Amino acid sequence: MSKKEDKIIKRIRKRLDEKSTIELWVKSGGRCQYVTCNKPLWKDSLTLRKMNKGYISHIIAASDNGPRGEKGKSEELELELSNLMLLCDECHNRIDKAQVSEHPKEVLIKMKQDHEKRIEMVTSIEPDKKSHAIIYTANIGAFEPKISFMDSAMAMREATYFPSSDLPIYLGFQKAIFKDDESEYWQMQEKQLAGSFRDKIKPLLEHEKPHFSIFGLAPQPLLVKLGVQLSEITNCEVYQNHREPEQTWKWPVKQEVIDVQLKEPSDKTKKAVLIISMSDMVNRDRIHAVLGNEVSIWEITVEKPNRNILKSKQTLENYKNKVRDAYSDIRTIQGEQSEIHLFPVMPNACAIETGRVWMPKVDLPLIIYDQNKNRDGFYKTITIK
């Protein structure tokens, strides 16, 4: 951008009326609207001294030759709020000078719209509808799952809850040195999850009675562990990632409630195994390959297991009830000194709730297995006791 164009933009900014300037600051929450930045623009980050660090930047440049300039449009939109973003100095430089080609107008428009939607949601929260959004992710093989806070917030809004902050609580640890077919992976991830929970969640539980909205994409043993730490004592809403007909965390409207069954073994005297066949059937040969033939296999399942089985909150509630029954029945029959070998193939929300309904002072220890093609089937990961 030339010095002449710089002067033109500065002159236009001075002409932006006070009402429009205030509206832009209000809609942005006084924060940088660049995605992942969100810096407060009303104070110095080190001294906390009040100051104006905001730049009113154009999506379509104020001149035809400026960044994203369009003949006819530049002049027409130069003072339109829909074409203006509030940015910090670094992000302003990024979109207008350093990385112009990487920031077409479509990308910036979406950034602005997503940011303003989030600010509107946060500022409209009623006290009894506040919920702390918890996002937990961990590498699944080579896949690094990501959960959009905006998608999470929209799902919470459908459930009549609103984020208590404009940032979620992240518990996950990605970029792991080890893969999930190595025992070191589970040790590291379990330790990290326990530490994050201790540092970020426990202080909230000690000083208030919070509500949590849980979003998780991780190997199922870790999701069960997350659920154990949350427990049913905490007030939670657990969400499921739906892939069809569109990718969303919102619960679909008017979905069929699925009946969940607990199948008991005919011989209940052997080593207790609990299979959860919700997303797919579990081949018994794989269980015997790990534990031998001296096992009593209990199973929680549905009539037609599939990856999209969990479409309603009531189905999830039905599932939780069957898990409670299984824990109680196995403990009663096997005795207090026994343990449960858990083989899960289920939706992520079910994995979290499997942990939440487990009672540490009552239920038997869980030895949790994970299915991994690099290990040619199931193998033991973490133990909960």
Protein backbone atom coordinates (compact mmCIF):
# COMPACT_ATOMS: atom_id res chain seq x y z
CA MET A 1 0.00 0.00 0.00
CA SER A 2 1.41 3.42 -0.96
CA LYS A 3 1.84 6.35 1.47
CA LYS A 4 -0.81 8.20 -0.51
CA GLU A 5 -3.30 5.39 0.05
CA ASP A 6 -2.36 5.28 3.73
CA LYS A 7 -3.27 8.95 4.02
CA ILE A 8 -6.59 8.38 2.25
CA ILE A 9 -7.57 5.61 4.67
CA LYS A 10 -6.56 7.65 7.70
CA ARG A 11 -8.64 10.54 6.43
CA ILE A 12 -11.65 8.27 5.94
CA ARG A 13 -11.26 6.86 9.42
CA LYS A 14 -11.40 10.32 10.91
CA ARG A 15 -14.66 10.94 9.08
CA LEU A 16 -16.31 7.83 10.51
CA ASP A 17 -18.96 9.27 12.80
CA GLU A 18 -18.95 8.67 16.53
CA LYS A 19 -22.18 6.63 16.51
CA SER A 20 -20.82 4.18 13.95
CA THR A 21 -17.50 3.89 15.77
CA ILE A 22 -19.24 3.10 19.06
CA GLU A 23 -21.45 0.52 17.34
CA LEU A 24 -18.42 -1.26 15.85
CA TRP A 25 -16.69 -1.34 19.27
CA VAL A 26 -19.85 -2.66 20.94
CA LYS A 27 -20.43 -5.38 18.33
CA SER A 28 -16.80 -6.52 18.60
CA GLY A 29 -16.84 -6.45 22.39
CA GLY A 30 -13.82 -4.17 22.23
CA ARG A 31 -11.71 -7.11 21.06
CA CYS A 32 -9.75 -7.88 17.90
CA GLN A 33 -12.07 -9.55 15.42
CA TYR A 34 -9.34 -11.64 13.77
CA VAL A 35 -10.06 -15.33 14.37
CA THR A 36 -7.98 -16.83 17.25
CA CYS A 37 -6.75 -13.35 18.33
CA ASN A 38 -9.50 -11.80 20.45
CA LYS A 39 -7.09 -9.36 22.17
CA PRO A 40 -8.73 -6.63 24.29
CA LEU A 41 -8.18 -3.31 22.53
CA TRP A 42 -8.96 -0.95 25.40
CA LYS A 43 -5.89 -1.58 27.58
CA ASP A 44 -2.16 -2.23 27.46
CA SER A 45 -1.60 -5.97 27.87
CA LEU A 46 1.41 -5.45 30.19
CA THR A 47 0.68 -2.34 32.24
CA LEU A 48 -3.13 -2.69 32.00
CA ARG A 49 -3.22 1.06 31.40
CA LYS A 50 -6.36 2.15 29.56
CA MET A 51 -5.67 2.99 25.93
CA ASN A 52 -7.15 2.61 22.46
CA LYS A 53 -5.24 -0.06 20.54
CA GLY A 54 -7.92 -0.64 17.92
CA TYR A 55 -7.62 -0.17 14.18
CA ILE A 56 -10.76 0.25 12.11
CA SER A 57 -9.84 -1.75 9.02
CA HIS A 58 -11.59 -2.20 5.70
CA ILE A 59 -12.54 -5.59 4.31
CA ILE A 60 -12.92 -4.14 0.81
CA ALA A 61 -10.34 -1.36 0.70
CA ALA A 62 -11.34 2.30 0.73
CA SER A 63 -9.56 2.73 -2.62
CA ASP A 64 -9.76 0.60 -5.77
CA ASN A 65 -6.01 -0.10 -5.58
CA GLY A 66 -5.95 -1.03 -1.89
CA PRO A 67 -6.13 -4.53 -0.39
CA ARG A 68 -9.23 -6.28 -1.76
CA GLY A 69 -10.24 -3.07 -3.51
CA GLU A 70 -13.08 -3.28 -6.02
CA LYS A 71 -13.93 -0.61 -8.51
CA GLY A 72 -17.28 0.93 -7.57
CA LYS A 73 -17.54 -1.09 -4.35
CA SER A 74 -14.62 0.56 -2.53
CA GLU A 75 -16.20 3.99 -2.51
CA GLU A 76 -19.69 2.65 -1.88
CA LEU A 77 -18.66 0.57 1.18
CA GLU A 78 -15.95 2.76 2.66
CA LEU A 79 -18.06 3.73 5.70
CA GLU A 80 -20.41 0.73 5.87
CA LEU A 81 -20.17 -1.12 9.19
CA SER A 82 -20.55 -4.44 7.37
CA ASN A 83 -17.26 -3.64 5.63
CA LEU A 84 -15.33 -2.57 8.73
CA MET A 85 -13.43 -4.71 11.25
CA LEU A 86 -11.90 -3.76 14.58
CA LEU A 87 -8.38 -5.19 14.71
CA CYS A 88 -5.20 -4.95 16.72
CA ASP A 89 -2.06 -3.56 15.11
CA GLU A 90 -0.59 -7.00 14.35
CA CYS A 91 -3.72 -8.37 12.69
CA HIS A 92 -4.31 -5.11 10.83
CA ASN A 93 -0.81 -5.41 9.38
CA ARG A 94 -1.38 -9.08 8.56
CA ILE A 95 -4.46 -8.56 6.41
CA ASP A 96 -3.40 -5.29 4.75
CA LYS A 97 0.35 -5.75 4.24
CA ALA A 98 2.07 -8.96 5.31
CA GLN A 99 -0.41 -11.58 4.07
CA VAL A 100 -2.90 -9.83 1.81
CA SER A 101 -3.31 -12.76 -0.60
CA GLU A 102 -4.20 -15.10 2.29
CA HIS A 103 -7.05 -12.85 3.40
CA PRO A 104 -9.65 -12.51 0.65
CA LYS A 105 -12.85 -10.69 1.51
CA GLU A 106 -14.81 -13.93 2.05
CA VAL A 107 -12.45 -15.01 4.84
CA LEU A 108 -12.62 -11.63 6.58
CA ILE A 109 -16.41 -11.38 6.28
CA LYS A 110 -16.76 -14.77 7.99
CA MET A 111 -14.32 -13.73 10.74
CA LYS A 112 -16.31 -10.59 11.42
CA GLN A 113 -19.68 -12.35 11.40
CA ASP A 114 -18.55 -15.22 13.63
CA HIS A 115 -16.95 -12.85 16.13
CA GLU A 116 -20.01 -10.60 16.36
CA LYS A 117 -22.36 -13.58 16.75
CA ARG A 118 -20.22 -14.86 19.61
CA ILE A 119 -20.15 -11.48 21.35
CA GLU A 120 -23.92 -11.16 21.00
CA MET A 121 -24.43 -14.60 22.57
CA VAL A 122 -22.07 -13.95 25.47
CA THR A 123 -23.56 -10.57 26.32
CA SER A 124 -27.14 -11.90 26.26
CA ILE A 125 -26.56 -14.58 28.90
CA GLU A 126 -29.01 -14.75 31.79
CA PRO A 127 -27.35 -15.68 35.11
CA ASP A 128 -29.05 -19.09 35.41
CA LYS A 129 -28.25 -19.99 31.80
CA LYS A 130 -24.49 -19.57 31.98
CA SER A 131 -22.45 -22.65 31.20
CA HIS A 132 -18.72 -23.25 31.05
CA ALA A 133 -17.86 -24.74 27.66
CA ILE A 134 -15.30 -27.54 28.04
CA ILE A 135 -13.51 -28.67 24.89
CA TYR A 136 -11.43 -31.83 25.14
CA THR A 137 -9.47 -33.25 22.22
CA ALA A 138 -6.60 -35.71 21.86
CA ASN A 139 -4.94 -37.26 18.84
CA ILE A 140 -6.70 -40.30 17.38
CA GLY A 141 -3.95 -42.05 15.46
CA ALA A 142 -2.55 -39.47 13.04
CA PHE A 143 -5.79 -37.45 13.17
CA GLU A 144 -5.74 -34.24 15.20
CA PRO A 145 -9.38 -33.40 16.00
CA LYS A 146 -10.45 -29.79 16.35
CA ILE A 147 -13.67 -28.41 17.81
CA SER A 148 -14.86 -24.94 16.82
CA PHE A 149 -15.91 -22.82 19.77
CA MET A 150 -18.48 -21.11 17.56
CA ASP A 151 -20.04 -24.48 16.66
CA SER A 152 -20.05 -25.40 20.34
CA ALA A 153 -21.66 -22.10 21.33
CA MET A 154 -24.39 -22.52 18.72
CA ALA A 155 -25.16 -26.03 20.03
CA MET A 156 -25.33 -24.66 23.58
CA ARG A 157 -27.73 -21.98 22.45
CA GLU A 158 -30.04 -24.64 20.99
CA ALA A 159 -30.04 -26.26 24.42
CA THR A 160 -30.85 -22.84 25.99
CA TYR A 161 -27.39 -22.43 27.53
CA PHE A 162 -24.83 -19.74 26.78
CA PRO A 163 -21.04 -19.68 27.22
CA SER A 164 -20.06 -18.02 30.48
CA SER A 165 -16.94 -16.66 28.78
CA ASP A 166 -15.93 -15.71 25.27
CA LEU A 167 -13.29 -18.46 25.43
CA PRO A 168 -13.87 -22.16 26.24
CA ILE A 169 -11.92 -24.24 28.76
CA TYR A 170 -9.46 -26.34 26.78
CA LEU A 171 -8.39 -29.55 28.45
CA GLY A 172 -6.79 -31.34 25.52
CA PHE A 173 -3.20 -32.03 24.63
CA GLN A 174 -2.40 -32.48 20.95
CA LYS A 175 0.90 -32.84 19.09
CA ALA A 176 1.69 -35.84 21.27
CA ILE A 177 5.11 -37.43 20.85
CA PHE A 178 3.61 -40.90 21.09
CA LYS A 179 0.80 -42.47 19.04
CA ASP A 180 -2.27 -44.12 20.53
CA ASP A 181 -0.92 -47.59 19.73
CA GLU A 182 1.86 -47.04 22.30
CA SER A 183 1.48 -47.43 26.06
CA GLU A 184 3.40 -44.17 26.66
CA TYR A 185 0.66 -42.27 24.86
CA TRP A 186 -1.93 -43.25 27.43
CA GLN A 187 0.29 -42.47 30.39
CA MET A 188 1.08 -39.02 29.04
CA GLN A 189 -2.47 -38.16 28.00
CA GLU A 190 -4.00 -39.41 31.25
CA LYS A 191 -1.53 -37.38 33.30
CA GLN A 192 -2.13 -34.27 31.20
CA LEU A 193 -5.92 -34.59 31.47
CA ALA A 194 -5.73 -34.98 35.25
CA GLY A 195 -3.49 -31.92 35.52
CA SER A 196 -5.68 -29.75 33.30
CA PHE A 197 -8.79 -30.79 35.22
CA ARG A 198 -7.13 -30.00 38.54
CA ASP A 199 -5.94 -26.57 37.39
CA LYS A 200 -8.93 -25.41 35.34
CA ILE A 201 -12.06 -27.18 36.59
CA LYS A 202 -11.58 -27.87 40.29
CA PRO A 203 -11.22 -24.15 41.23
CA LEU A 204 -14.64 -23.54 39.67
CA LEU A 205 -16.17 -26.41 41.63
CA GLU A 206 -14.75 -25.06 44.88
CA HIS A 207 -16.19 -21.56 44.58
CA GLU A 208 -19.51 -21.98 42.77
CA LYS A 209 -22.06 -24.49 41.51
CA PRO A 210 -21.25 -24.26 37.81
CA HIS A 211 -22.90 -25.78 34.80
CA PHE A 212 -20.64 -27.38 32.18
CA SER A 213 -21.22 -28.05 28.49
CA ILE A 214 -18.94 -30.88 27.35
CA PHE A 215 -17.57 -31.34 23.83
CA GLY A 216 -15.12 -34.19 23.30
CA LEU A 217 -13.25 -35.79 20.38
CA ALA A 218 -10.59 -38.20 21.60
CA PRO A 219 -9.89 -41.94 21.96
CA GLN A 220 -12.71 -43.45 23.98
CA PRO A 221 -10.70 -44.56 27.04
CA LEU A 222 -9.70 -40.92 27.57
CA LEU A 223 -13.29 -39.75 27.17
CA VAL A 224 -14.35 -42.26 29.82
CA LYS A 225 -11.60 -40.87 32.07
CA LEU A 226 -12.89 -37.33 31.47
CA GLY A 227 -16.38 -38.47 32.46
CA VAL A 228 -15.07 -40.06 35.66
CA GLN A 229 -13.44 -36.78 36.66
CA LEU A 230 -16.61 -34.82 35.97
CA SER A 231 -18.87 -37.41 37.66
CA GLU A 232 -22.63 -37.09 37.97
CA ILE A 233 -22.22 -34.74 40.90
CA THR A 234 -21.39 -31.92 38.49
CA ASN A 235 -24.17 -30.31 36.48
CA CYS A 236 -23.33 -31.14 32.87
CA GLU A 237 -24.75 -31.25 29.37
CA VAL A 238 -22.81 -33.66 27.14
CA TYR A 239 -22.95 -33.06 23.38
CA GLN A 240 -22.45 -35.43 20.45
CA ASN A 241 -20.79 -34.59 17.15
CA HIS A 242 -23.27 -35.46 14.38
CA ARG A 243 -21.93 -36.13 10.89
CA GLU A 244 -25.19 -36.47 8.97
CA PRO A 245 -27.04 -34.82 7.32
CA GLU A 246 -24.56 -32.07 8.24
CA GLN A 247 -21.61 -31.68 10.59
CA THR A 248 -22.98 -30.18 13.81
CA TRP A 249 -23.01 -30.47 17.61
CA LYS A 250 -26.69 -29.53 17.80
CA TRP A 251 -29.11 -32.27 18.76
CA PRO A 252 -31.35 -33.02 15.75
CA VAL A 253 -35.03 -32.16 16.16
CA LYS A 254 -37.70 -34.88 16.54
CA GLN A 255 -35.44 -37.91 16.28
CA GLU A 256 -36.48 -41.46 17.09
CA VAL A 257 -35.57 -42.60 20.60
CA ILE A 258 -33.58 -45.85 20.44
CA ASP A 259 -34.07 -48.65 22.95
CA VAL A 260 -30.81 -49.72 24.61
CA GLN A 261 -30.41 -53.30 25.83
CA LEU A 262 -28.25 -54.96 28.47
CA LYS A 263 -27.53 -58.59 27.52
CA GLU A 264 -26.35 -60.82 30.35
CA PRO A 265 -24.13 -63.91 29.94
CA SER A 266 -25.50 -67.35 30.70
CA ASP A 267 -22.43 -68.16 32.81
CA LYS A 268 -21.66 -65.28 35.18
CA THR A 269 -18.91 -66.95 37.19
CA LYS A 270 -15.89 -66.04 35.05
CA LYS A 271 -13.88 -62.88 34.47
CA ALA A 272 -16.32 -60.02 33.82
CA VAL A 273 -16.23 -58.36 30.41
CA LEU A 274 -18.49 -55.47 29.41
CA ILE A 275 -18.80 -54.88 25.68
CA ILE A 276 -20.43 -51.68 24.48
CA SER A 277 -21.66 -52.25 20.92
CA MET A 278 -23.38 -49.00 20.04
CA SER A 279 -21.47 -47.83 16.94
CA ASP A 280 -20.64 -51.32 15.65
CA MET A 281 -20.70 -54.96 16.69
CA VAL A 282 -17.73 -56.29 18.65
CA ASN A 283 -16.35 -59.60 17.45
CA ARG A 284 -16.12 -62.04 20.38
CA ASP A 285 -12.99 -63.59 18.90
CA ARG A 286 -11.17 -60.32 19.56
CA ILE A 287 -12.14 -60.48 23.22
CA HIS A 288 -10.93 -64.07 23.53
CA ALA A 289 -7.68 -63.16 21.76
CA VAL A 290 -6.93 -60.72 24.58
CA LEU A 291 -8.40 -62.43 27.66
CA GLY A 292 -8.83 -66.07 26.69
CA ASN A 293 -12.04 -68.09 26.87
CA GLU A 294 -12.65 -67.89 30.63
CA VAL A 295 -14.77 -64.75 30.45
CA SER A 296 -18.37 -63.80 31.16
CA ILE A 297 -19.40 -61.34 28.48
CA TRP A 298 -22.00 -58.69 29.25
CA GLU A 299 -23.09 -56.42 26.42
CA ILE A 300 -24.82 -53.05 26.09
CA THR A 301 -26.16 -52.67 22.57
CA VAL A 302 -29.00 -51.61 20.28
CA GLU A 303 -30.94 -53.45 17.60
CA LYS A 304 -28.84 -52.06 14.74
CA PRO A 305 -25.51 -50.61 15.91
CA ASN A 306 -24.13 -47.88 13.62
CA ARG A 307 -21.95 -44.78 13.77
CA ASN A 308 -24.92 -42.41 13.68
CA ILE A 309 -27.00 -44.22 16.29
CA LEU A 310 -27.01 -41.37 18.82
CA LYS A 311 -29.48 -38.76 17.53
CA SER A 312 -31.40 -37.82 20.66
CA LYS A 313 -30.66 -36.89 24.26
CA GLN A 314 -33.25 -39.42 25.42
CA THR A 315 -31.33 -42.24 23.73
CA LEU A 316 -28.23 -41.06 25.60
CA GLU A 317 -30.25 -41.12 28.84
CA ASN A 318 -31.44 -44.67 28.05
CA TYR A 319 -27.81 -45.66 27.50
CA LYS A 320 -26.71 -44.18 30.85
CA ASN A 321 -29.39 -46.17 32.68
CA LYS A 322 -28.16 -49.43 31.14
CA VAL A 323 -24.56 -48.65 32.11
CA ARG A 324 -25.68 -48.08 35.70
CA ASP A 325 -27.52 -51.41 35.62
CA ALA A 326 -24.46 -53.17 34.22
CA TYR A 327 -22.10 -51.76 36.86
CA SER A 328 -24.53 -52.70 39.64
CA ASP A 329 -25.37 -56.20 38.38
CA ILE A 330 -21.75 -57.15 37.69
CA ARG A 331 -20.68 -55.95 41.14
CA THR A 332 -23.49 -57.89 42.82
CA ILE A 333 -22.71 -61.12 40.98
CA GLN A 334 -18.90 -60.95 40.74
CA GLY A 335 -18.21 -59.55 44.20
CA GLU A 336 -16.44 -56.48 45.55
CA GLN A 337 -12.93 -57.74 44.72
CA SER A 338 -13.59 -58.15 41.00
CA GLU A 339 -12.99 -55.79 38.08
CA ILE A 340 -14.63 -55.04 34.75
CA HIS A 341 -12.80 -55.36 31.43
CA LEU A 342 -14.42 -52.70 29.26
CA PHE A 343 -14.39 -52.94 25.44
CA PRO A 344 -16.04 -49.77 24.04
CA VAL A 345 -17.28 -49.15 20.49
CA MET A 346 -19.66 -46.22 20.93
CA PRO A 347 -20.36 -42.53 20.20
CA ASN A 348 -18.14 -40.04 22.03
CA ALA A 349 -20.98 -38.70 24.20
CA CYS A 350 -21.66 -42.26 25.38
CA ALA A 351 -17.99 -42.66 26.32
CA ILE A 352 -18.10 -39.53 28.49
CA GLU A 353 -21.33 -40.63 30.18
CA THR A 354 -19.86 -44.12 30.75
CA GLY A 355 -17.35 -42.42 33.01
CA ARG A 356 -19.77 -39.99 34.61
CA VAL A 357 -22.10 -42.71 35.93
CA TRP A 358 -19.20 -44.73 37.41
CA MET A 359 -19.09 -44.28 41.19
CA PRO A 360 -15.57 -44.54 42.68
CA LYS A 361 -16.67 -45.68 46.15
CA VAL A 362 -19.16 -48.25 44.87
CA ASP A 363 -18.43 -49.58 41.38
CA LEU A 364 -15.75 -52.06 40.35
CA PRO A 365 -12.48 -50.90 38.73
CA LEU A 366 -12.58 -50.47 34.95
CA ILE A 367 -9.80 -51.84 32.76
CA ILE A 368 -10.41 -50.09 29.46
CA TYR A 369 -9.33 -51.41 26.07
CA ASP A 370 -8.96 -49.56 22.79
CA GLN A 371 -9.41 -50.96 19.31
CA ASN A 372 -6.40 -50.17 17.12
CA LYS A 373 -5.56 -51.62 13.71
CA ASN A 374 -1.84 -51.18 14.36
CA ARG A 375 -2.22 -53.54 17.33
CA ASP A 376 -4.42 -55.93 15.36
CA GLY A 377 -7.44 -55.52 17.62
CA PHE A 378 -8.10 -54.47 21.21
CA TYR A 379 -5.36 -53.80 23.73
CA LYS A 380 -5.30 -52.56 27.34
CA THR A 381 -4.92 -48.79 27.80
CA ILE A 382 -5.87 -47.24 31.15
CA THR A 383 -7.36 -48.46 34.43
CA ILE A 384 -9.88 -46.54 36.51
CA LYS A 385 -10.23 -47.45 40.16
